Amino acid sequence: MSGPGISVVICVYTEDRWEDILAAVSSVRAQSYPALETLLVVDHNDALLDRLAKEYKEAADVRVLANAGPRGLSAGRNTGIAASYGEVIAFLDDDAVAERGWLKHFAAGYADPRVMAVGGRTEPVWASGRRPDWFPEEFDWVVGCTYRGLPRGRVKVRNVLGGNASFRRTAFDFAGGFASGIGRDGDRLPLGCEETELCIRLTRARPDAVLLIDDRAVIHHRVPEAREHFGYFRTRTYAEGLSKALVARSVGADKGLESERRYATRVLPAGVARGLRDALLARPGGAGRAGAIVAGVLTAAGGYVVGSVRARRGGVTYSVAGREGEAGAEGGSR
């Protein structure tokens, strides 16, 4: 195998996703570009930890370990980074399966030594069998998937999306790990944006760093029935606003909201126009999609205002492999 050795980290937390976890591991094992190892990081669930340890006790290519930090996705990822051996660390959601060429396309991106991160495309697999008529593609990030408005092909980006991403190991030497207090931590609110904050911090530490998305690196992400409803849509968009406020507090609003400004001023208005056009043409869901976009913007904006007030009370912390720091209002670390 020519190219970097890649460790794959899958963070898991519930036995309810047992079959999904096994499918995710199987998809890594089936890669045309073999992974160096797969690490299953269990988030403070002893029963799941024991069950997975038994399931893979004979597997030389799979390691099961406990999250060594506080509860949450960021600490789980940092645990995986610290324990891994690869030159590149890839992250796969526990309810997703990767296409056979996923790691091959990641590896190709690192032929350029300036490349510090490569992400891919995430396609939704709806539990009901089809996208709800009212659910706009512009908001597929609500269910952890690639959304309308992201550039296509293999392109430079501000940040990769965490459930389908990879980083060169040295990226964490420059920037530290994922920030605690931004991403999901077991709380009822589905927070996010920890990968956005890390990527901005990385490019500040290494201005010459290149971050790519290659949409040939495809995974298929399961969307449970509970997330197909407007109640979840509203909760997730509000939580995104909270998270964006923390990112802006950590790295500054200019960088923290750079991509979001284009999204809000160009992508979303075009989505509303498409929805209204479809409604005039009596196509299913047109009015619902337009309304959902407006509701999503307003709800996220409300979350951002509330989050901005809360964020003034303190920064966020990040750590990996024994390094810890606090990201404050200026976006620096100490």
Protein backbone atom coordinates (compact mmCIF):
# COMPACT_ATOMS: atom_id res chain seq x y z
CA MET A 1 0.00 0.00 0.00
CA SER A 2 1.49 3.34 -1.07
CA GLY A 3 0.23 6.42 0.70
CA PRO A 4 -0.38 7.29 4.34
CA GLY A 5 -1.48 4.77 6.94
CA ILE A 6 -5.02 5.69 8.00
CA SER A 7 -6.57 4.98 11.39
CA VAL A 8 -10.38 5.13 11.45
CA VAL A 9 -12.09 6.36 14.63
CA ILE A 10 -15.76 5.56 15.23
CA CYS A 11 -17.25 7.10 18.38
CA VAL A 12 -20.16 5.13 19.83
CA TYR A 13 -22.42 5.65 22.81
CA THR A 14 -25.57 3.48 22.76
CA GLU A 15 -26.48 -0.17 22.29
CA ASP A 16 -29.54 1.00 20.36
CA ARG A 17 -27.18 1.40 17.39
CA TRP A 18 -25.58 -2.04 17.71
CA GLU A 19 -26.35 -3.17 14.17
CA ASP A 20 -25.31 0.22 12.79
CA ILE A 21 -21.98 0.01 14.60
CA LEU A 22 -21.26 -3.44 13.19
CA ALA A 23 -22.20 -2.22 9.70
CA ALA A 24 -19.89 0.79 10.05
CA VAL A 25 -16.95 -1.42 11.04
CA SER A 26 -17.71 -3.84 8.20
CA SER A 27 -17.67 -0.99 5.69
CA VAL A 28 -14.21 0.06 6.91
CA ARG A 29 -12.96 -3.50 6.63
CA ALA A 30 -14.20 -3.65 3.02
CA GLN A 31 -12.22 -0.60 1.83
CA SER A 32 -10.21 -0.85 -1.37
CA TYR A 33 -7.52 1.15 0.45
CA PRO A 34 -7.18 -0.83 3.70
CA ALA A 35 -7.34 0.98 7.01
CA LEU A 36 -4.38 0.57 9.33
CA GLU A 37 -6.82 0.02 12.21
CA THR A 38 -10.33 0.81 13.40
CA LEU A 39 -10.81 2.29 16.85
CA LEU A 40 -14.22 2.11 18.52
CA VAL A 41 -14.33 4.74 21.26
CA VAL A 42 -17.18 4.10 23.73
CA ASP A 43 -18.63 7.14 25.46
CA HIS A 44 -19.16 6.25 29.15
CA ASN A 45 -21.26 3.13 28.56
CA ASP A 46 -19.74 0.12 30.31
CA ALA A 47 -22.29 -2.35 28.95
CA LEU A 48 -21.56 -1.33 25.36
CA LEU A 49 -17.83 -1.30 26.04
CA ASP A 50 -17.93 -4.89 27.31
CA ARG A 51 -20.16 -6.08 24.50
CA LEU A 52 -17.95 -4.59 21.79
CA ALA A 53 -14.80 -5.90 23.46
CA LYS A 54 -16.27 -9.40 23.28
CA GLU A 55 -17.45 -8.93 19.69
CA TYR A 56 -13.98 -7.93 18.46
CA LYS A 57 -11.73 -9.78 20.90
CA GLU A 58 -10.26 -11.88 18.07
CA ALA A 59 -9.93 -8.97 15.64
CA ALA A 60 -6.41 -7.72 15.04
CA ASP A 61 -7.67 -4.70 13.09
CA VAL A 62 -10.25 -3.40 15.60
CA ARG A 63 -9.57 -1.90 19.00
CA VAL A 64 -12.25 -1.03 21.55
CA LEU A 65 -11.49 1.62 24.14
CA ALA A 66 -13.29 3.90 26.58
CA ASN A 67 -13.55 7.64 26.17
CA ALA A 68 -10.78 8.93 28.43
CA GLY A 69 -12.28 12.41 28.78
CA PRO A 70 -15.61 13.94 29.74
CA ARG A 71 -18.79 12.67 28.14
CA GLY A 72 -19.21 13.82 24.57
CA LEU A 73 -18.17 13.44 20.96
CA SER A 74 -15.22 15.84 21.12
CA ALA A 75 -13.53 13.99 23.99
CA GLY A 76 -14.24 10.67 22.29
CA ARG A 77 -12.54 11.83 19.10
CA ASN A 78 -9.60 13.17 21.10
CA THR A 79 -9.29 9.78 22.82
CA GLY A 80 -9.17 8.08 19.42
CA ILE A 81 -6.56 10.49 18.10
CA ALA A 82 -4.31 9.93 21.10
CA ALA A 83 -4.57 6.13 20.86
CA SER A 84 -4.22 5.80 17.09
CA TYR A 85 -1.08 4.96 15.09
CA GLY A 86 -1.91 6.30 11.62
CA GLU A 87 -0.33 9.23 9.85
CA VAL A 88 -3.91 10.19 9.00
CA ILE A 89 -6.94 9.82 11.29
CA ALA A 90 -10.36 9.45 9.66
CA PHE A 91 -13.70 9.79 11.44
CA LEU A 92 -16.86 7.87 10.57
CA ASP A 93 -20.26 8.25 12.23
CA ASP A 94 -21.48 5.21 14.13
CA ASP A 95 -24.71 5.10 12.08
CA ALA A 96 -23.09 5.39 8.66
CA VAL A 97 -21.47 3.05 6.15
CA ALA A 98 -18.65 4.06 3.83
CA GLU A 99 -18.47 3.23 0.14
CA ARG A 100 -15.57 1.00 -0.88
CA GLY A 101 -13.42 3.85 -2.23
CA TRP A 102 -13.88 6.15 0.79
CA LEU A 103 -10.36 5.88 2.21
CA LYS A 104 -8.76 5.71 -1.25
CA HIS A 105 -10.02 9.20 -2.04
CA PHE A 106 -8.96 10.49 1.35
CA ALA A 107 -5.46 9.07 0.89
CA ALA A 108 -5.09 10.64 -2.56
CA GLY A 109 -5.66 14.09 -1.12
CA TYR A 110 -2.61 13.80 1.13
CA ALA A 111 -0.20 13.48 -1.78
CA ASP A 112 0.07 17.25 -1.43
CA PRO A 113 2.02 17.91 1.81
CA ARG A 114 0.09 21.14 2.37
CA VAL A 115 -3.18 19.23 2.79
CA MET A 116 -4.10 18.91 6.46
CA ALA A 117 -7.69 17.65 6.16
CA VAL A 118 -9.88 15.88 3.61
CA GLY A 119 -13.63 15.43 3.94
CA GLY A 120 -16.21 13.70 1.80
CA ARG A 121 -19.89 13.59 0.84
CA THR A 122 -22.55 12.24 3.21
CA GLU A 123 -25.81 10.98 1.73
CA PRO A 124 -28.96 10.54 3.86
CA VAL A 125 -30.71 7.18 4.18
CA TRP A 126 -34.21 8.06 5.34
CA ALA A 127 -35.88 5.59 7.71
CA SER A 128 -39.21 6.12 5.94
CA GLY A 129 -37.61 5.27 2.61
CA ARG A 130 -37.79 8.76 1.12
CA ARG A 131 -37.09 12.38 1.95
CA PRO A 132 -40.05 14.11 3.62
CA ASP A 133 -41.68 16.44 1.08
CA TRP A 134 -41.23 19.45 3.35
CA PHE A 135 -37.53 18.84 4.19
CA PRO A 136 -35.26 21.22 2.18
CA GLU A 137 -31.96 19.89 0.84
CA GLU A 138 -30.40 23.16 1.97
CA PHE A 139 -30.85 21.91 5.55
CA ASP A 140 -29.52 18.36 5.20
CA TRP A 141 -26.84 19.35 7.73
CA VAL A 142 -29.66 19.05 10.29
CA VAL A 143 -29.40 15.26 9.86
CA GLY A 144 -25.61 15.20 9.51
CA CYS A 145 -25.46 15.10 5.72
CA THR A 146 -24.05 17.11 2.83
CA TYR A 147 -26.41 19.96 2.02
CA ARG A 148 -27.28 21.94 -1.09
CA GLY A 149 -24.89 24.87 -1.37
CA LEU A 150 -21.65 23.05 -0.66
CA PRO A 151 -19.23 23.06 -3.60
CA ARG A 152 -19.05 19.92 -5.72
CA GLY A 153 -15.97 17.98 -6.83
CA ARG A 154 -12.61 18.21 -5.09
CA VAL A 155 -12.34 21.72 -3.71
CA LYS A 156 -10.75 23.79 -0.98
CA VAL A 157 -13.03 24.59 1.94
CA ARG A 158 -12.98 26.46 5.25
CA ASN A 159 -13.88 23.31 7.19
CA VAL A 160 -14.71 19.65 6.71
CA LEU A 161 -17.79 17.99 8.26
CA GLY A 162 -16.92 15.81 11.24
CA GLY A 163 -18.87 12.60 10.54
CA ASN A 164 -17.04 12.05 7.25
CA ALA A 165 -13.60 13.58 7.57
CA SER A 166 -9.90 12.92 7.98
CA PHE A 167 -6.96 14.89 9.33
CA ARG A 168 -3.23 14.56 9.03
CA ARG A 169 -1.88 13.71 12.49
CA THR A 170 0.34 16.77 12.52
CA ALA A 171 -2.81 18.94 12.27
CA PHE A 172 -3.46 18.15 15.93
CA ASP A 173 0.11 18.99 16.85
CA PHE A 174 -0.44 22.47 15.41
CA ALA A 175 -4.01 23.12 16.59
CA GLY A 176 -4.72 20.79 19.51
CA GLY A 177 -7.81 18.60 19.56
CA PHE A 178 -11.57 19.00 19.29
CA ALA A 179 -13.07 21.56 21.65
CA SER A 180 -15.15 20.41 24.61
CA GLY A 181 -18.31 22.40 25.16
CA ILE A 182 -19.17 22.90 21.49
CA GLY A 183 -20.14 19.47 20.12
CA ARG A 184 -22.49 16.79 21.37
CA ASP A 185 -22.05 15.75 24.97
CA GLY A 186 -25.09 13.64 25.80
CA ASP A 187 -27.25 16.67 26.60
CA ARG A 188 -30.73 16.81 25.12
CA LEU A 189 -29.68 19.55 22.68
CA PRO A 190 -27.99 18.23 19.50
CA LEU A 191 -25.06 20.64 19.41
CA GLY A 192 -22.37 20.62 16.74
CA CYS A 193 -19.68 22.72 14.98
CA GLU A 194 -16.68 21.28 16.84
CA GLU A 195 -15.01 20.41 13.52
CA THR A 196 -15.61 23.95 12.23
CA GLU A 197 -13.86 25.46 15.24
CA LEU A 198 -10.94 23.04 14.93
CA CYS A 199 -10.47 23.73 11.22
CA ILE A 200 -10.43 27.48 11.75
CA ARG A 201 -7.97 27.10 14.60
CA LEU A 202 -5.81 24.89 12.38
CA THR A 203 -5.64 27.38 9.51
CA ARG A 204 -4.77 30.14 11.96
CA ALA A 205 -1.91 28.05 13.33
CA ARG A 206 -0.84 27.02 9.81
CA PRO A 207 -1.92 29.68 7.28
CA ASP A 208 -0.52 27.55 4.44
CA ALA A 209 -2.72 24.57 5.37
CA VAL A 210 -5.10 23.26 2.69
CA LEU A 211 -8.44 21.68 3.64
CA LEU A 212 -10.33 19.76 0.97
CA ILE A 213 -13.67 18.14 0.34
CA ASP A 214 -13.63 15.34 -2.23
CA ASP A 215 -17.23 14.35 -2.93
CA ARG A 216 -16.13 10.97 -4.29
CA ALA A 217 -15.43 9.94 -0.68
CA VAL A 218 -19.02 8.93 0.05
CA ILE A 219 -20.71 7.59 3.14
CA HIS A 220 -24.39 6.79 3.66
CA HIS A 221 -25.80 8.08 6.93
CA ARG A 222 -28.96 6.61 8.46
CA VAL A 223 -31.61 9.14 9.43
CA PRO A 224 -33.93 7.67 12.08
CA GLU A 225 -37.65 8.29 11.89
CA ALA A 226 -37.56 10.65 14.88
CA ARG A 227 -35.33 13.04 12.92
CA GLU A 228 -37.70 13.25 9.97
CA HIS A 229 -40.11 15.49 11.90
CA PHE A 230 -40.27 19.25 12.17
CA GLY A 231 -39.83 19.13 15.95
CA TYR A 232 -36.31 17.73 15.55
CA PHE A 233 -35.60 20.16 12.69
CA ARG A 234 -36.47 23.08 14.95
CA THR A 235 -34.45 21.74 17.89
CA ARG A 236 -31.39 21.06 15.75
CA THR A 237 -31.42 24.47 14.03
CA TYR A 238 -31.71 26.19 17.42
CA ALA A 239 -28.78 24.11 18.71
CA GLU A 240 -26.77 25.06 15.63
CA GLY A 241 -27.26 28.70 16.50
CA LEU A 242 -25.99 28.03 20.02
CA SER A 243 -22.96 26.20 18.60
CA LYS A 244 -22.17 28.91 16.06
CA ALA A 245 -22.12 31.46 18.88
CA LEU A 246 -19.51 29.37 20.70
CA VAL A 247 -17.44 29.09 17.52
CA ALA A 248 -17.62 32.84 16.96
CA ARG A 249 -16.61 33.42 20.57
CA SER A 250 -13.67 31.02 20.21
CA VAL A 251 -12.23 32.04 16.83
CA GLY A 252 -13.91 35.36 16.07
CA ALA A 253 -17.06 36.13 14.09
CA ASP A 254 -15.21 36.99 10.85
CA LYS A 255 -13.93 33.45 10.36
CA GLY A 256 -16.56 31.72 12.47
CA LEU A 257 -19.41 32.96 10.26
CA GLU A 258 -17.60 33.42 6.94
CA SER A 259 -19.25 30.52 5.09
CA GLU A 260 -22.56 31.04 6.87
CA ARG A 261 -22.94 34.55 5.42
CA ARG A 262 -22.82 33.24 1.86
CA TYR A 263 -25.16 30.40 2.80
CA ALA A 264 -27.69 32.78 4.38
CA THR A 265 -27.58 35.45 1.68
CA ARG A 266 -27.36 33.30 -1.46
CA VAL A 267 -28.15 29.62 -0.92
CA LEU A 268 -31.19 29.99 1.33
CA PRO A 269 -32.99 32.72 -0.65
CA ALA A 270 -32.60 30.58 -3.76
CA GLY A 271 -34.08 27.65 -1.83
CA VAL A 272 -37.09 29.72 -0.77
CA ALA A 273 -37.61 30.80 -4.38
CA ARG A 274 -37.49 27.17 -5.56
CA GLY A 275 -40.01 26.16 -2.92
CA LEU A 276 -42.42 28.93 -3.84
CA ARG A 277 -42.06 28.10 -7.53
CA ASP A 278 -42.84 24.46 -6.80
CA ALA A 279 -45.88 25.52 -4.77
CA LEU A 280 -47.15 27.60 -7.71
CA LEU A 281 -46.66 24.57 -9.95
CA ALA A 282 -48.58 22.42 -7.44
CA ARG A 283 -45.55 20.21 -6.77
CA PRO A 284 -45.61 18.36 -3.43
CA GLY A 285 -43.94 20.07 -0.49
CA GLY A 286 -42.95 23.32 -2.18
CA ALA A 287 -44.61 25.63 0.32
CA GLY A 288 -43.43 23.44 3.18
CA ARG A 289 -39.81 23.61 2.05
CA ALA A 290 -39.93 27.38 1.69
CA GLY A 291 -41.51 27.69 5.13
CA ALA A 292 -39.00 25.31 6.69
CA ILE A 293 -36.09 27.37 5.34
CA VAL A 294 -37.52 30.56 6.84
CA ALA A 295 -38.27 28.82 10.13
CA GLY A 296 -34.79 27.29 10.22
CA VAL A 297 -33.12 30.67 9.72
CA LEU A 298 -35.20 32.33 12.43
CA THR A 299 -34.67 29.49 14.90
CA ALA A 300 -30.92 29.36 14.29
CA ALA A 301 -30.73 33.14 14.68
CA GLY A 302 -32.54 32.87 18.00
CA GLY A 303 -30.10 30.22 19.16
CA TYR A 304 -27.18 32.40 18.09
CA VAL A 305 -28.43 35.33 20.17
CA VAL A 306 -28.94 33.15 23.25
CA GLY A 307 -25.61 31.41 22.68
CA SER A 308 -23.77 34.70 22.32
CA VAL A 309 -24.99 35.79 25.74
CA ARG A 310 -23.99 32.48 27.28
CA ALA A 311 -20.61 32.41 25.52
CA ARG A 312 -19.54 35.64 27.17
CA ARG A 313 -19.40 33.75 30.45
CA GLY A 314 -16.42 31.65 29.36
CA GLY A 315 -14.45 29.99 26.55
CA VAL A 316 -14.16 26.38 25.43
CA THR A 317 -11.44 23.84 26.11
CA TYR A 318 -9.69 21.40 23.82
CA SER A 319 -7.24 18.60 24.48
CA VAL A 320 -5.56 15.68 22.77
CA ALA A 321 -2.66 13.44 23.65
CA GLY A 322 -2.04 15.25 26.89
CA ARG A 323 -2.33 18.78 25.50
CA GLU A 324 -4.95 21.09 26.94
CA GLY A 325 -5.85 24.69 26.32
CA GLU A 326 -8.62 27.21 26.50
CA ALA A 327 -9.85 29.08 23.46
CA GLY A 328 -10.93 32.54 24.43
CA ALA A 329 -12.63 35.44 22.76
CA GLU A 330 -9.64 36.27 20.59
CA GLY A 331 -9.44 32.75 19.20
CA GLY A 332 -6.02 32.12 20.74
CA SER A 333 -5.02 29.35 23.10
CA ARG A 334 -3.07 29.27 26.29
